């Protein structure tokens, strides 16, 4: 299960991602926003990431205008490793080496074609594992405040 979330700046891209996931038969939950009306990205990051931290979703895809704001909000949530990506290599290696569980995309900076390629590589790439990567992820979690 993939949790989707977006503010108004990422709403249209989220809708395209939904169509793409449906066509591939990938199950998702749309955590909002549900219109292009102005709204605040932390609300939607929290809602979608809650699906991941509760165990109802395995990964998430979040969209805002640049992908940056919503990634900042997501990374405030314990257990979330969100990466704002705008290129194929970053989307692939954030899964391989960082075991990122949330991909953040910018609806105003990415074309739909590239965004969908990033979604695919993010969802299809497995965590490589390895002691050094696991150690670094544990160090990330040690930085989380109570």
Foldseek 3Di string as FASTA:
>chain_A
DEEEFEFLQCVVLSVLVVVVCVVVVHDYDYQDDPHNPGDDLLVRLVRRVVCCVVPVDQAYEYEYQAQVVNQVSNLLDQPAAEDEDDAQVCLQVCQQQQVGRYYTYHSNPHDSVSVNSSVVNNVPHHHNDDDVSVVVNVVSNVPHDD
